[in-house]
Amino acid sequence: MIYVKLDDLIWQHRTSAEDIVKQTGLGSSTISKLRNSKNKNISLNTLNKLCGYFNCAISDLLEYTPD
């Protein structure tokens, strides 16, 4: 299973979903789905924007654990 660690990054960087939306141009519904683990298909563009915003690697944003 792949876990999206967006809430962890938001907390660590002391930012908000609103700030992410404003700075990245991603939709608020996209951010909400990622935070609630309801988005099964994350585009490379979305990952790129989030990694750029947080200045992090994909491994900081996503975590794989075997089922």
Protein backbone atom coordinates (compact mmCIF):
# COMPACT_ATOMS: atom_id res chain seq x y z
CA MET A 1 0.00 0.00 0.00
CA ILE A 2 1.20 3.49 -0.76
CA TYR A 3 0.70 6.11 1.93
CA VAL A 4 0.69 9.82 1.04
CA LYS A 5 2.54 11.75 3.76
CA LEU A 6 1.15 15.16 2.79
CA ASP A 7 -0.21 15.93 6.26
CA ASP A 8 3.21 15.21 7.75
CA LEU A 9 4.87 17.64 5.34
CA ILE A 10 2.22 20.30 5.96
CA TRP A 11 2.84 20.02 9.69
CA GLN A 12 6.65 19.98 9.38
CA HIS A 13 6.68 23.03 7.10
CA ARG A 14 3.99 24.83 9.10
CA THR A 15 1.95 25.56 6.02
CA SER A 16 -1.65 25.02 4.99
CA ALA A 17 -3.61 23.45 2.16
CA GLU A 18 -4.60 26.97 1.07
CA ASP A 19 -0.97 28.00 0.75
CA ILE A 20 -0.17 24.89 -1.29
CA VAL A 21 -3.07 25.60 -3.65
CA LYS A 22 -2.00 29.23 -4.10
CA GLN A 23 1.68 28.45 -4.66
CA THR A 24 1.36 25.35 -6.85
CA GLY A 25 -1.80 25.95 -8.83
CA LEU A 26 -3.13 22.54 -7.79
CA GLY A 27 -6.84 22.31 -7.10
CA SER A 28 -8.11 22.33 -3.55
CA SER A 29 -10.00 19.10 -4.28
CA THR A 30 -6.72 17.44 -5.35
CA ILE A 31 -5.04 18.42 -2.09
CA SER A 32 -8.07 17.30 -0.07
CA LYS A 33 -8.16 13.90 -1.79
CA LEU A 34 -4.46 13.39 -1.17
CA ARG A 35 -4.80 14.32 2.49
CA ASN A 36 -7.72 11.91 2.91
CA SER A 37 -6.07 9.09 0.91
CA LYS A 38 -8.95 9.10 -1.57
CA ASN A 39 -6.87 9.80 -4.67
CA LYS A 40 -5.74 6.53 -6.25
CA ASN A 41 -4.13 8.14 -9.32
CA ILE A 42 -1.57 10.85 -8.62
CA SER A 43 -0.12 12.46 -11.72
CA LEU A 44 3.59 13.05 -12.13
CA ASN A 45 2.79 16.73 -12.56
CA THR A 46 1.11 16.81 -9.12
CA LEU A 47 4.05 14.98 -7.52
CA ASN A 48 6.48 17.36 -9.22
CA LYS A 49 4.62 20.44 -7.96
CA LEU A 50 4.39 19.11 -4.40
CA CYS A 51 8.07 18.09 -4.31
CA GLY A 52 8.97 21.53 -5.64
CA TYR A 53 6.81 23.29 -3.08
CA PHE A 54 8.24 21.32 -0.16
CA ASN A 55 11.74 21.05 -1.69
CA CYS A 56 11.67 17.34 -0.98
CA ALA A 57 12.17 13.96 -2.64
CA ILE A 58 9.27 11.75 -3.67
CA SER A 59 10.20 9.41 -0.81
CA ASP A 60 9.40 12.27 1.59
CA LEU A 61 5.91 12.46 0.11
CA LEU A 62 5.09 8.80 -0.54
CA GLU A 63 5.75 5.67 1.51
CA TYR A 64 5.31 2.08 0.37
CA THR A 65 4.43 -0.68 2.81
CA PRO A 66 3.62 -4.21 1.66
CA ASP A 67 -0.01 -5.29 2.05
